[in-house]
Amino acid sequence: MIPVKICGITSLSDAMLVAELGGSAIGFIFYDKSPRFVSLNKAREISKALQSTIPTIGVFVNPELDTVNNISEFVGLDFIQLHGEESPEFCNLISLPVIKAFRIDNTISSRNLEDYPVYALLFDTYKPNVLGGTGDTFDWSIAKQLKTKLPTILSGGLNSSNLLQGISATQPEAVDINSGVESRPGKKYASKLRNAFKILKKTGDYPNIFDISSLLH
């Protein structure tokens, strides 16, 4: 199955269900303007309860470096996802593996990606004045034209009805699902999660890019 990150986790029950279904990673959003913002104490509680059974990813938007470092240590994060206008130089200062998000529109090119010293790239939907997830898809043909040697993660409006189409169109190394498996922002809907994983099991064998043990060798 293609690696799957379920983002916008705010409760232990949702996190445990994702792990049970075979999720590859969960995402905590630390951007306080997001409807899926999670407190540091709740994220730490969830992370500790999971006992490293599934990697945790902290999502930040234009943070201070000290903020990233302090939250990473407090919560026990495995990856950092940067979803703002962070520079390559800023990404290079972070000790954990970095996933850099790019909001895709028709102005982006491969040259926008090549200077980033990061672990993976995430492609999400561009929407004016909206940082973070929009719940909408973007023109997947643009992503297919972007050239990079880094692993790519497809995000943006993914749900059970379009997952396989999006994977086929963009050929990513992983997918990131959020609003497409929710009953309301921050609350996952068990039947939608189960259905999404049932569909994703049709995707065949993929290396798990979220397997942090592989990064230690």
N, C-alpha and C. Protein backbone atom coordinates (compact mmCIF):
# COMPACT_ATOMS: atom_id res chain seq x y z
N MET A 1 0.84 -1.20 0.00
CA MET A 1 0.00 0.00 0.00
C MET A 1 0.88 1.25 0.00
N ILE A 2 0.44 2.26 -0.72
CA ILE A 2 1.18 3.52 -0.72
C ILE A 2 1.18 4.10 0.70
N PRO A 3 2.30 4.67 1.16
CA PRO A 3 2.32 5.27 2.49
C PRO A 3 1.26 6.37 2.63
N VAL A 4 0.60 6.38 3.79
CA VAL A 4 -0.51 7.29 4.03
C VAL A 4 -0.28 8.07 5.32
N LYS A 5 -0.27 9.38 5.20
CA LYS A 5 -0.26 10.25 6.39
C LYS A 5 -1.67 10.79 6.58
N ILE A 6 -2.20 10.64 7.78
CA ILE A 6 -3.48 11.25 8.12
C ILE A 6 -3.17 12.47 8.97
N CYS A 7 -3.53 13.63 8.46
CA CYS A 7 -3.17 14.89 9.11
C CYS A 7 -4.36 15.47 9.87
N GLY A 8 -4.07 16.46 10.71
CA GLY A 8 -5.11 17.12 11.47
C GLY A 8 -5.64 16.29 12.62
N ILE A 9 -4.77 15.45 13.21
CA ILE A 9 -5.17 14.60 14.33
C ILE A 9 -5.27 15.46 15.60
N THR A 10 -6.39 15.31 16.31
CA THR A 10 -6.59 16.07 17.55
C THR A 10 -7.02 15.19 18.72
N SER A 11 -7.19 13.88 18.48
CA SER A 11 -7.63 13.00 19.58
C SER A 11 -6.88 11.68 19.53
N LEU A 12 -6.72 11.08 20.70
CA LEU A 12 -6.03 9.79 20.78
C LEU A 12 -6.82 8.70 20.07
N SER A 13 -8.14 8.72 20.17
CA SER A 13 -8.94 7.68 19.54
C SER A 13 -8.76 7.69 18.02
N ASP A 14 -8.71 8.87 17.42
CA ASP A 14 -8.48 8.95 15.98
C ASP A 14 -7.08 8.46 15.63
N ALA A 15 -6.09 8.85 16.42
CA ALA A 15 -4.72 8.43 16.15
C ALA A 15 -4.58 6.92 16.25
N MET A 16 -5.22 6.31 17.24
CA MET A 16 -5.14 4.86 17.41
C MET A 16 -5.82 4.12 16.27
N LEU A 17 -6.92 4.67 15.78
CA LEU A 17 -7.60 4.04 14.65
C LEU A 17 -6.73 4.11 13.40
N VAL A 18 -6.09 5.24 13.16
CA VAL A 18 -5.19 5.36 12.01
C VAL A 18 -4.08 4.33 12.09
N ALA A 19 -3.48 4.17 13.27
CA ALA A 19 -2.42 3.18 13.45
C ALA A 19 -2.95 1.77 13.22
N GLU A 20 -4.14 1.50 13.74
CA GLU A 20 -4.75 0.18 13.58
C GLU A 20 -5.01 -0.16 12.12
N LEU A 21 -5.41 0.83 11.34
CA LEU A 21 -5.73 0.61 9.93
C LEU A 21 -4.50 0.50 9.03
N GLY A 22 -3.33 0.79 9.59
CA GLY A 22 -2.11 0.69 8.80
C GLY A 22 -1.57 2.00 8.30
N GLY A 23 -1.98 3.11 8.93
CA GLY A 23 -1.45 4.40 8.55
C GLY A 23 0.05 4.47 8.73
N SER A 24 0.71 5.25 7.90
CA SER A 24 2.16 5.35 7.93
C SER A 24 2.64 6.49 8.82
N ALA A 25 1.80 7.50 9.05
CA ALA A 25 2.18 8.64 9.89
C ALA A 25 0.91 9.42 10.22
N ILE A 26 0.99 10.19 11.32
CA ILE A 26 -0.08 11.11 11.66
C ILE A 26 0.51 12.51 11.76
N GLY A 27 -0.33 13.51 11.50
CA GLY A 27 0.13 14.89 11.53
C GLY A 27 -0.60 15.71 12.58
N PHE A 28 0.18 16.49 13.34
CA PHE A 28 -0.36 17.45 14.29
C PHE A 28 -0.17 18.85 13.71
N ILE A 29 -1.21 19.65 13.69
CA ILE A 29 -1.12 20.99 13.14
C ILE A 29 -0.93 22.00 14.27
N PHE A 30 0.21 22.69 14.25
CA PHE A 30 0.54 23.68 15.27
C PHE A 30 0.42 25.11 14.74
N TYR A 31 -0.47 25.29 13.78
CA TYR A 31 -0.77 26.61 13.22
C TYR A 31 -2.08 27.07 13.84
N ASP A 32 -2.03 28.09 14.69
CA ASP A 32 -3.19 28.41 15.52
C ASP A 32 -4.38 28.98 14.76
N LYS A 33 -4.21 29.30 13.49
CA LYS A 33 -5.34 29.76 12.69
C LYS A 33 -6.07 28.62 11.99
N SER A 34 -5.55 27.42 12.13
CA SER A 34 -6.19 26.25 11.51
C SER A 34 -7.31 25.74 12.39
N PRO A 35 -8.43 25.30 11.80
CA PRO A 35 -9.51 24.69 12.59
C PRO A 35 -9.10 23.34 13.17
N ARG A 36 -7.95 22.85 12.76
CA ARG A 36 -7.45 21.55 13.25
C ARG A 36 -6.24 21.74 14.17
N PHE A 37 -6.08 22.95 14.66
CA PHE A 37 -4.99 23.23 15.61
C PHE A 37 -5.13 22.33 16.84
N VAL A 38 -3.99 21.78 17.28
CA VAL A 38 -3.99 20.94 18.47
C VAL A 38 -3.04 21.54 19.50
N SER A 39 -3.42 21.48 20.76
CA SER A 39 -2.57 22.03 21.81
C SER A 39 -1.32 21.16 21.98
N LEU A 40 -0.28 21.75 22.54
CA LEU A 40 0.95 21.01 22.76
C LEU A 40 0.73 19.87 23.74
N ASN A 41 -0.03 20.12 24.77
CA ASN A 41 -0.26 19.07 25.76
C ASN A 41 -1.04 17.90 25.17
N LYS A 42 -2.03 18.18 24.34
CA LYS A 42 -2.79 17.10 23.71
C LYS A 42 -1.91 16.31 22.74
N ALA A 43 -1.12 17.02 21.95
CA ALA A 43 -0.24 16.34 21.00
C ALA A 43 0.77 15.46 21.74
N ARG A 44 1.30 15.96 22.85
CA ARG A 44 2.24 15.17 23.65
C ARG A 44 1.55 13.94 24.23
N GLU A 45 0.33 14.11 24.72
CA GLU A 45 -0.43 12.99 25.28
C GLU A 45 -0.62 11.89 24.23
N ILE A 46 -1.01 12.31 23.03
CA ILE A 46 -1.23 11.34 21.95
C ILE A 46 0.07 10.65 21.57
N SER A 47 1.12 11.45 21.39
CA SER A 47 2.42 10.91 21.00
C SER A 47 2.93 9.90 22.02
N LYS A 48 2.83 10.22 23.29
CA LYS A 48 3.31 9.31 24.34
C LYS A 48 2.48 8.04 24.39
N ALA A 49 1.18 8.16 24.22
CA ALA A 49 0.30 6.99 24.28
C ALA A 49 0.57 6.02 23.13
N LEU A 50 0.95 6.56 21.98
CA LEU A 50 1.22 5.70 20.82
C LEU A 50 2.53 4.93 20.97
N GLN A 51 3.41 5.41 21.83
CA GLN A 51 4.68 4.72 22.12
C GLN A 51 5.44 4.35 20.85
N SER A 52 5.55 5.32 19.95
CA SER A 52 6.35 5.16 18.71
C SER A 52 5.80 4.09 17.77
N THR A 53 4.52 3.75 17.88
CA THR A 53 3.96 2.77 16.95
C THR A 53 3.72 3.36 15.57
N ILE A 54 3.66 4.68 15.48
CA ILE A 54 3.45 5.36 14.20
C ILE A 54 4.18 6.70 14.26
N PRO A 55 4.90 7.08 13.21
CA PRO A 55 5.62 8.36 13.23
C PRO A 55 4.68 9.55 13.34
N THR A 56 5.18 10.59 14.00
CA THR A 56 4.40 11.82 14.19
C THR A 56 5.07 12.97 13.46
N ILE A 57 4.25 13.79 12.82
CA ILE A 57 4.73 14.91 12.02
C ILE A 57 4.10 16.19 12.54
N GLY A 58 4.93 17.18 12.83
CA GLY A 58 4.44 18.47 13.27
C GLY A 58 4.35 19.44 12.10
N VAL A 59 3.18 20.03 11.91
CA VAL A 59 2.95 20.94 10.79
C VAL A 59 3.02 22.38 11.31
N PHE A 60 3.90 23.18 10.70
CA PHE A 60 4.12 24.56 11.11
C PHE A 60 3.98 25.49 9.90
N VAL A 61 3.61 26.73 10.17
CA VAL A 61 3.51 27.76 9.13
C VAL A 61 4.34 28.96 9.56
N ASN A 62 5.44 29.20 8.83
CA ASN A 62 6.33 30.33 9.10
C ASN A 62 6.71 30.46 10.58
N PRO A 63 7.21 29.39 11.19
CA PRO A 63 7.53 29.44 12.61
C PRO A 63 8.91 30.03 12.88
N GLU A 64 9.16 30.35 14.14
CA GLU A 64 10.50 30.64 14.60
C GLU A 64 11.24 29.32 14.81
N LEU A 65 12.55 29.35 14.60
CA LEU A 65 13.33 28.12 14.74
C LEU A 65 13.22 27.57 16.16
N ASP A 66 13.30 28.41 17.16
CA ASP A 66 13.21 27.96 18.54
C ASP A 66 11.86 27.30 18.82
N THR A 67 10.83 27.83 18.19
CA THR A 67 9.50 27.25 18.36
C THR A 67 9.47 25.82 17.86
N VAL A 68 10.02 25.60 16.67
CA VAL A 68 10.06 24.26 16.10
C VAL A 68 10.84 23.31 17.00
N ASN A 69 12.01 23.75 17.43
CA ASN A 69 12.87 22.89 18.25
C ASN A 69 12.21 22.55 19.59
N ASN A 70 11.62 23.55 20.23
CA ASN A 70 11.01 23.32 21.54
C ASN A 70 9.79 22.40 21.45
N ILE A 71 8.95 22.62 20.44
CA ILE A 71 7.76 21.78 20.29
C ILE A 71 8.16 20.36 19.90
N SER A 72 9.15 20.23 19.04
CA SER A 72 9.61 18.91 18.62
C SER A 72 10.04 18.08 19.82
N GLU A 73 10.80 18.70 20.69
CA GLU A 73 11.30 17.99 21.87
C GLU A 73 10.18 17.69 22.85
N PHE A 74 9.30 18.64 23.07
CA PHE A 74 8.22 18.48 24.05
C PHE A 74 7.23 17.38 23.63
N VAL A 75 6.85 17.40 22.35
CA VAL A 75 5.84 16.46 21.85
C VAL A 75 6.47 15.10 21.53
N GLY A 76 7.72 15.13 21.05
CA GLY A 76 8.36 13.90 20.59
C GLY A 76 8.07 13.63 19.13
N LEU A 77 8.32 14.63 18.29
CA LEU A 77 8.03 14.52 16.87
C LEU A 77 9.12 13.76 16.13
N ASP A 78 8.75 13.20 14.99
CA ASP A 78 9.70 12.48 14.14
C ASP A 78 10.05 13.25 12.88
N PHE A 79 9.12 14.05 12.38
CA PHE A 79 9.31 14.86 11.17
C PHE A 79 8.75 16.25 11.42
N ILE A 80 9.25 17.20 10.64
CA ILE A 80 8.70 18.55 10.63
C ILE A 80 8.17 18.83 9.22
N GLN A 81 6.93 19.33 9.15
CA GLN A 81 6.36 19.77 7.86
C GLN A 81 6.19 21.27 7.90
N LEU A 82 6.78 21.94 6.92
CA LEU A 82 6.73 23.40 6.84
C LEU A 82 5.78 23.80 5.72
N HIS A 83 4.76 24.58 6.07
CA HIS A 83 3.68 24.85 5.13
C HIS A 83 3.55 26.34 4.79
N GLY A 84 4.61 27.11 5.08
CA GLY A 84 4.55 28.53 4.77
C GLY A 84 5.55 28.93 3.71
N GLU A 85 6.17 30.09 3.89
CA GLU A 85 7.16 30.59 2.93
C GLU A 85 8.59 30.43 3.47
N GLU A 86 8.82 29.34 4.18
CA GLU A 86 10.13 29.10 4.79
C GLU A 86 11.21 28.97 3.70
N SER A 87 12.38 29.52 3.98
CA SER A 87 13.47 29.53 3.01
C SER A 87 14.25 28.21 3.07
N PRO A 88 15.03 27.92 2.02
CA PRO A 88 15.92 26.75 2.08
C PRO A 88 16.87 26.83 3.27
N GLU A 89 17.35 28.04 3.57
CA GLU A 89 18.28 28.22 4.68
C GLU A 89 17.62 27.85 6.01
N PHE A 90 16.37 28.23 6.18
CA PHE A 90 15.64 27.89 7.41
C PHE A 90 15.47 26.38 7.51
N CYS A 91 15.08 25.75 6.42
CA CYS A 91 14.89 24.29 6.43
C CYS A 91 16.18 23.57 6.82
N ASN A 92 17.29 24.11 6.39
CA ASN A 92 18.58 23.48 6.64
C ASN A 92 18.98 23.53 8.11
N LEU A 93 18.37 24.42 8.89
CA LEU A 93 18.70 24.56 10.30
C LEU A 93 17.96 23.58 11.20
N ILE A 94 16.99 22.88 10.65
CA ILE A 94 16.16 21.97 11.44
C ILE A 94 16.81 20.59 11.47
N SER A 95 16.92 20.03 12.67
CA SER A 95 17.65 18.76 12.81
C SER A 95 16.82 17.55 12.40
N LEU A 96 15.50 17.63 12.57
CA LEU A 96 14.64 16.51 12.16
C LEU A 96 14.43 16.53 10.64
N PRO A 97 14.06 15.39 10.04
CA PRO A 97 13.74 15.38 8.61
C PRO A 97 12.61 16.36 8.31
N VAL A 98 12.78 17.13 7.24
CA VAL A 98 11.82 18.19 6.89
C VAL A 98 11.03 17.80 5.64
N ILE A 99 9.73 17.98 5.73
CA ILE A 99 8.84 17.89 4.56
C ILE A 99 8.42 19.31 4.22
N LYS A 100 8.77 19.78 3.04
CA LYS A 100 8.42 21.15 2.65
C LYS A 100 7.20 21.12 1.74
N ALA A 101 6.17 21.84 2.17
CA ALA A 101 4.94 21.90 1.38
C ALA A 101 5.02 23.03 0.36
N PHE A 102 4.50 22.77 -0.81
CA PHE A 102 4.37 23.77 -1.86
C PHE A 102 2.91 23.81 -2.31
N ARG A 103 2.37 25.03 -2.34
CA ARG A 103 1.00 25.21 -2.82
C ARG A 103 1.05 25.37 -4.34
N ILE A 104 0.36 24.50 -5.02
CA ILE A 104 0.53 24.37 -6.47
C ILE A 104 -0.47 25.23 -7.25
N ASP A 105 0.11 26.06 -8.12
CA ASP A 105 -0.70 26.74 -9.13
C ASP A 105 0.13 26.79 -10.41
N ASN A 106 -0.36 27.47 -11.42
CA ASN A 106 0.33 27.42 -12.72
C ASN A 106 1.59 28.28 -12.78
N THR A 107 1.98 28.90 -11.66
CA THR A 107 3.22 29.68 -11.67
C THR A 107 4.42 28.89 -11.16
N ILE A 108 4.19 27.73 -10.58
CA ILE A 108 5.29 26.98 -9.98
C ILE A 108 6.05 26.20 -11.04
N SER A 109 7.35 26.05 -10.81
CA SER A 109 8.17 25.27 -11.73
C SER A 109 9.15 24.44 -10.91
N SER A 110 9.85 23.55 -11.59
CA SER A 110 10.83 22.71 -10.91
C SER A 110 11.91 23.53 -10.25
N ARG A 111 12.20 24.72 -10.78
CA ARG A 111 13.23 25.57 -10.19
C ARG A 111 12.85 26.04 -8.79
N ASN A 112 11.54 26.10 -8.50
CA ASN A 112 11.11 26.49 -7.15
C ASN A 112 11.47 25.43 -6.11
N LEU A 113 11.70 24.21 -6.56
CA LEU A 113 11.90 23.10 -5.65
C LEU A 113 13.36 22.74 -5.43
N GLU A 114 14.21 23.05 -6.39
CA GLU A 114 15.53 22.42 -6.43
C GLU A 114 16.49 22.90 -5.36
N ASP A 115 16.25 24.06 -4.77
CA ASP A 115 17.19 24.59 -3.77
C ASP A 115 16.91 24.10 -2.35
N TYR A 116 15.84 23.34 -2.16
CA TYR A 116 15.45 22.97 -0.80
C TYR A 116 16.17 21.71 -0.31
N PRO A 117 16.95 21.82 0.79
CA PRO A 117 17.69 20.68 1.35
C PRO A 117 16.79 19.91 2.32
N VAL A 118 15.75 19.28 1.80
CA VAL A 118 14.75 18.65 2.65
C VAL A 118 14.62 17.16 2.33
N TYR A 119 13.86 16.49 3.17
CA TYR A 119 13.68 15.04 3.01
C TYR A 119 12.65 14.72 1.93
N ALA A 120 11.56 15.48 1.90
CA ALA A 120 10.49 15.22 0.94
C ALA A 120 9.73 16.50 0.65
N LEU A 121 8.96 16.48 -0.44
CA LEU A 121 8.13 17.61 -0.84
C LEU A 121 6.66 17.20 -0.78
N LEU A 122 5.83 18.12 -0.32
CA LEU A 122 4.39 17.87 -0.29
C LEU A 122 3.71 18.88 -1.21
N PHE A 123 2.85 18.39 -2.08
CA PHE A 123 2.14 19.25 -3.02
C PHE A 123 0.69 19.41 -2.57
N ASP A 124 0.30 20.66 -2.31
CA ASP A 124 -1.04 20.97 -1.83
C ASP A 124 -1.65 22.03 -2.74
N THR A 125 -2.88 22.39 -2.46
CA THR A 125 -3.63 23.31 -3.31
C THR A 125 -3.36 24.76 -2.95
N TYR A 126 -3.11 25.58 -3.96
CA TYR A 126 -2.97 27.01 -3.74
C TYR A 126 -4.34 27.66 -3.65
N LYS A 127 -4.52 28.48 -2.64
CA LYS A 127 -5.73 29.29 -2.51
C LYS A 127 -5.31 30.63 -1.93
N PRO A 128 -5.64 31.73 -2.57
CA PRO A 128 -5.19 33.04 -2.10
C PRO A 128 -5.53 33.28 -0.63
N ASN A 129 -4.53 33.76 0.10
CA ASN A 129 -4.69 34.15 1.51
C ASN A 129 -5.03 32.98 2.44
N VAL A 130 -4.81 31.74 1.97
CA VAL A 130 -5.05 30.57 2.81
C VAL A 130 -3.75 29.78 2.93
N LEU A 131 -3.21 29.72 4.15
CA LEU A 131 -2.03 28.91 4.42
C LEU A 131 -2.49 27.63 5.11
N GLY A 132 -1.95 26.51 4.66
CA GLY A 132 -2.42 25.24 5.18
C GLY A 132 -3.45 24.64 4.25
N GLY A 133 -4.05 23.55 4.68
CA GLY A 133 -4.95 22.81 3.81
C GLY A 133 -6.20 23.58 3.44
N THR A 134 -6.67 23.35 2.22
CA THR A 134 -7.88 24.01 1.73
C THR A 134 -9.05 23.06 1.59
N GLY A 135 -8.77 21.76 1.53
CA GLY A 135 -9.82 20.78 1.29
C GLY A 135 -10.19 20.64 -0.17
N ASP A 136 -9.45 21.33 -1.05
CA ASP A 136 -9.71 21.28 -2.49
C ASP A 136 -8.54 20.62 -3.21
N THR A 137 -8.84 20.02 -4.35
CA THR A 137 -7.78 19.47 -5.19
C THR A 137 -7.20 20.58 -6.07
N PHE A 138 -6.05 20.28 -6.68
CA PHE A 138 -5.46 21.20 -7.64
C PHE A 138 -5.31 20.49 -8.97
N ASP A 139 -4.81 21.19 -9.96
CA ASP A 139 -4.61 20.60 -11.28
C ASP A 139 -3.43 19.63 -11.21
N TRP A 140 -3.73 18.35 -11.15
CA TRP A 140 -2.68 17.34 -10.96
C TRP A 140 -1.68 17.28 -12.12
N SER A 141 -2.06 17.75 -13.28
CA SER A 141 -1.12 17.73 -14.42
C SER A 141 0.08 18.63 -14.16
N ILE A 142 -0.09 19.66 -13.31
CA ILE A 142 1.05 20.53 -12.97
C ILE A 142 2.07 19.76 -12.16
N ALA A 143 1.59 19.01 -11.17
CA ALA A 143 2.50 18.23 -10.31
C ALA A 143 3.25 17.19 -11.13
N LYS A 144 2.60 16.60 -12.09
CA LYS A 144 3.24 15.58 -12.90
C LYS A 144 4.41 16.15 -13.69
N GLN A 145 4.36 17.44 -14.00
CA GLN A 145 5.42 18.08 -14.78
C GLN A 145 6.60 18.54 -13.93
N LEU A 146 6.42 18.58 -12.62
CA LEU A 146 7.50 19.03 -11.73
C LEU A 146 8.54 17.93 -11.57
N LYS A 147 9.79 18.28 -11.77
CA LYS A 147 10.88 17.31 -11.71
C LYS A 147 11.66 17.49 -10.42
N THR A 148 11.80 16.40 -9.68
CA THR A 148 12.58 16.42 -8.45
C THR A 148 13.07 15.02 -8.15
N LYS A 149 14.22 14.94 -7.49
CA LYS A 149 14.74 13.65 -7.06
C LYS A 149 14.24 13.27 -5.67
N LEU A 150 13.54 14.20 -5.02
CA LEU A 150 13.04 13.96 -3.68
C LEU A 150 11.70 13.22 -3.70
N PRO A 151 11.40 12.46 -2.64
CA PRO A 151 10.07 11.85 -2.55
C PRO A 151 8.99 12.94 -2.53
N THR A 152 7.86 12.65 -3.16
CA THR A 152 6.76 13.61 -3.17
C THR A 152 5.53 13.01 -2.49
N ILE A 153 4.78 13.90 -1.86
CA ILE A 153 3.57 13.52 -1.14
C ILE A 153 2.41 14.31 -1.73
N LEU A 154 1.38 13.63 -2.16
CA LEU A 154 0.21 14.30 -2.74
C LEU A 154 -0.79 14.62 -1.65
N SER A 155 -1.23 15.87 -1.62
CA SER A 155 -2.22 16.33 -0.64
C SER A 155 -3.23 17.21 -1.37
N GLY A 156 -4.25 17.66 -0.62
CA GLY A 156 -5.20 18.60 -1.20
C GLY A 156 -6.50 17.95 -1.65
N GLY A 157 -7.50 17.93 -0.78
CA GLY A 157 -8.83 17.48 -1.16
C GLY A 157 -8.96 16.01 -1.49
N LEU A 158 -8.06 15.19 -0.97
CA LEU A 158 -8.13 13.75 -1.27
C LEU A 158 -9.21 13.07 -0.44
N ASN A 159 -9.95 12.17 -1.09
CA ASN A 159 -10.97 11.38 -0.40
C ASN A 159 -11.14 10.06 -1.14
N SER A 160 -12.04 9.24 -0.67
CA SER A 160 -12.19 7.90 -1.25
C SER A 160 -12.54 7.92 -2.73
N SER A 161 -13.22 8.96 -3.18
CA SER A 161 -13.66 9.00 -4.57
C SER A 161 -12.58 9.41 -5.55
N ASN A 162 -11.50 10.05 -5.06
CA ASN A 162 -10.48 10.53 -6.01
C ASN A 162 -9.06 10.07 -5.70
N LEU A 163 -8.87 9.28 -4.64
CA LEU A 163 -7.52 8.87 -4.24
C LEU A 163 -6.77 8.16 -5.36
N LEU A 164 -7.38 7.14 -5.93
CA LEU A 164 -6.68 6.36 -6.95
C LEU A 164 -6.41 7.20 -8.20
N GLN A 165 -7.33 8.07 -8.53
CA GLN A 165 -7.13 8.95 -9.69
C GLN A 165 -5.95 9.89 -9.44
N GLY A 166 -5.88 10.46 -8.24
CA GLY A 166 -4.78 11.38 -7.91
C GLY A 166 -3.44 10.68 -7.92
N ILE A 167 -3.39 9.48 -7.38
CA ILE A 167 -2.14 8.72 -7.36
C ILE A 167 -1.70 8.38 -8.77
N SER A 168 -2.64 7.95 -9.59
CA SER A 168 -2.31 7.61 -10.97
C SER A 168 -1.82 8.83 -11.75
N ALA A 169 -2.42 9.99 -11.48
CA ALA A 169 -2.09 11.21 -12.23
C ALA A 169 -0.74 11.79 -11.84
N THR A 170 -0.35 11.64 -10.58
CA THR A 170 0.85 12.34 -10.10
C THR A 170 2.01 11.43 -9.71
N GLN A 171 1.74 10.14 -9.51
CA GLN A 171 2.78 9.17 -9.15
C GLN A 171 3.60 9.59 -7.93
N PRO A 172 2.94 9.89 -6.83
CA PRO A 172 3.68 10.31 -5.63
C PRO A 172 4.25 9.09 -4.90
N GLU A 173 5.10 9.38 -3.92
CA GLU A 173 5.62 8.32 -3.05
C GLU A 173 4.76 8.12 -1.81
N ALA A 174 3.82 9.05 -1.55
CA ALA A 174 2.92 8.95 -0.41
C ALA A 174 1.75 9.89 -0.63
N VAL A 175 0.70 9.73 0.18
CA VAL A 175 -0.44 10.63 0.15
C VAL A 175 -0.71 11.16 1.55
N ASP A 176 -1.33 12.33 1.60
CA ASP A 176 -1.67 13.01 2.84
C ASP A 176 -3.16 13.32 2.79
N ILE A 177 -3.91 12.75 3.72
CA ILE A 177 -5.37 12.92 3.73
C ILE A 177 -5.77 13.64 5.01
N ASN A 178 -6.72 14.55 4.88
CA ASN A 178 -7.16 15.30 6.06
C ASN A 178 -8.69 15.45 6.04
N SER A 179 -9.19 16.49 5.38
CA SER A 179 -10.63 16.77 5.43
C SER A 179 -11.47 15.68 4.78
N GLY A 180 -10.87 14.92 3.87
CA GLY A 180 -11.62 13.88 3.16
C GLY A 180 -12.03 12.70 4.01
N VAL A 181 -11.52 12.63 5.25
CA VAL A 181 -11.91 11.54 6.15
C VAL A 181 -12.44 12.11 7.48
N GLU A 182 -13.07 13.28 7.42
CA GLU A 182 -13.55 13.93 8.63
C GLU A 182 -15.08 14.02 8.68
N SER A 183 -15.58 14.07 9.91
CA SER A 183 -16.99 14.41 10.12
C SER A 183 -17.13 15.91 10.37
N ARG A 184 -16.06 16.52 10.90
CA ARG A 184 -15.94 17.96 11.08
C ARG A 184 -14.46 18.25 11.25
N PRO A 185 -14.01 19.49 11.10
CA PRO A 185 -12.58 19.78 11.20
C PRO A 185 -11.97 19.27 12.51
N GLY A 186 -10.96 18.42 12.37
CA GLY A 186 -10.26 17.90 13.53
C GLY A 186 -10.83 16.60 14.08
N LYS A 187 -11.97 16.16 13.57
CA LYS A 187 -12.58 14.92 14.03
C LYS A 187 -12.71 13.96 12.86
N LYS A 188 -11.98 12.85 12.93
CA LYS A 188 -12.03 11.88 11.84
C LYS A 188 -13.29 11.02 11.96
N TYR A 189 -13.77 10.59 10.80
CA TYR A 189 -14.99 9.79 10.72
C TYR A 189 -14.55 8.36 10.43
N ALA A 190 -14.81 7.45 11.38
CA ALA A 190 -14.25 6.11 11.31
C ALA A 190 -14.58 5.39 9.99
N SER A 191 -15.81 5.50 9.53
CA SER A 191 -16.19 4.78 8.31
C SER A 191 -15.48 5.35 7.09
N LYS A 192 -15.25 6.67 7.08
CA LYS A 192 -14.52 7.27 5.96
C LYS A 192 -13.06 6.84 5.98
N LEU A 193 -12.47 6.77 7.18
CA LEU A 193 -11.10 6.29 7.29
C LEU A 193 -10.99 4.85 6.80
N ARG A 194 -11.88 4.00 7.26
CA ARG A 194 -11.82 2.59 6.87
C ARG A 194 -11.98 2.43 5.36
N ASN A 195 -12.89 3.19 4.79
CA ASN A 195 -13.11 3.10 3.34
C ASN A 195 -11.90 3.57 2.57
N ALA A 196 -11.26 4.65 3.03
CA ALA A 196 -10.07 5.16 2.35
C ALA A 196 -8.95 4.13 2.37
N PHE A 197 -8.74 3.51 3.52
CA PHE A 197 -7.68 2.50 3.60
C PHE A 197 -8.01 1.26 2.77
N LYS A 198 -9.26 0.91 2.71
CA LYS A 198 -9.67 -0.22 1.87
C LYS A 198 -9.33 0.05 0.41
N ILE A 199 -9.57 1.25 -0.03
CA ILE A 199 -9.26 1.64 -1.41
C ILE A 199 -7.76 1.69 -1.63
N LEU A 200 -7.03 2.24 -0.67
CA LEU A 200 -5.59 2.41 -0.84
C LEU A 200 -4.84 1.09 -0.86
N LYS A 201 -5.43 0.06 -0.30
CA LYS A 201 -4.76 -1.25 -0.33
C LYS A 201 -4.68 -1.82 -1.75
N LYS A 202 -5.37 -1.19 -2.67
CA LYS A 202 -5.31 -1.60 -4.07
C LYS A 202 -4.08 -1.04 -4.79
N THR A 203 -3.29 -0.22 -4.10
CA THR A 203 -2.20 0.49 -4.77
C THR A 203 -0.91 -0.33 -4.89
N GLY A 204 -0.84 -1.49 -4.28
CA GLY A 204 0.36 -2.31 -4.43
C GLY A 204 1.43 -1.96 -3.41
N ASP A 205 2.64 -2.44 -3.68
CA ASP A 205 3.76 -2.28 -2.74
C ASP A 205 4.53 -0.99 -3.00
N TYR A 206 4.80 -0.26 -1.92
CA TYR A 206 5.60 0.96 -1.97
C TYR A 206 6.57 0.94 -0.79
N PRO A 207 7.76 1.52 -0.95
CA PRO A 207 8.61 1.76 0.23
C PRO A 207 7.93 2.77 1.14
N ASN A 208 8.08 2.59 2.44
CA ASN A 208 7.46 3.51 3.40
C ASN A 208 8.41 4.67 3.67
N ILE A 209 8.15 5.82 3.08
CA ILE A 209 9.06 6.95 3.25
C ILE A 209 9.00 7.53 4.65
N PHE A 210 8.00 7.13 5.44
CA PHE A 210 7.89 7.61 6.81
C PHE A 210 8.55 6.66 7.82
N ASP A 211 9.21 5.63 7.34
CA ASP A 211 9.90 4.69 8.23
C ASP A 211 11.17 5.33 8.72
N ILE A 212 11.13 5.89 9.92
CA ILE A 212 12.29 6.65 10.39
C ILE A 212 13.50 5.77 10.67
N SER A 213 13.31 4.47 10.85
CA SER A 213 14.46 3.61 11.09
C SER A 213 15.40 3.60 9.89
N SER A 214 14.82 3.79 8.69
CA SER A 214 15.66 3.79 7.49
C SER A 214 16.53 5.03 7.41
N LEU A 215 16.15 6.09 8.15
CA LEU A 215 16.92 7.33 8.13
C LEU A 215 18.13 7.26 9.05
N LEU A 216 18.18 6.23 9.87
CA LEU A 216 19.27 6.12 10.83
C LEU A 216 20.45 5.32 10.30
N HIS A 217 20.32 4.84 9.06
CA HIS A 217 21.39 4.00 8.48
C HIS A 217 22.12 4.75 7.38
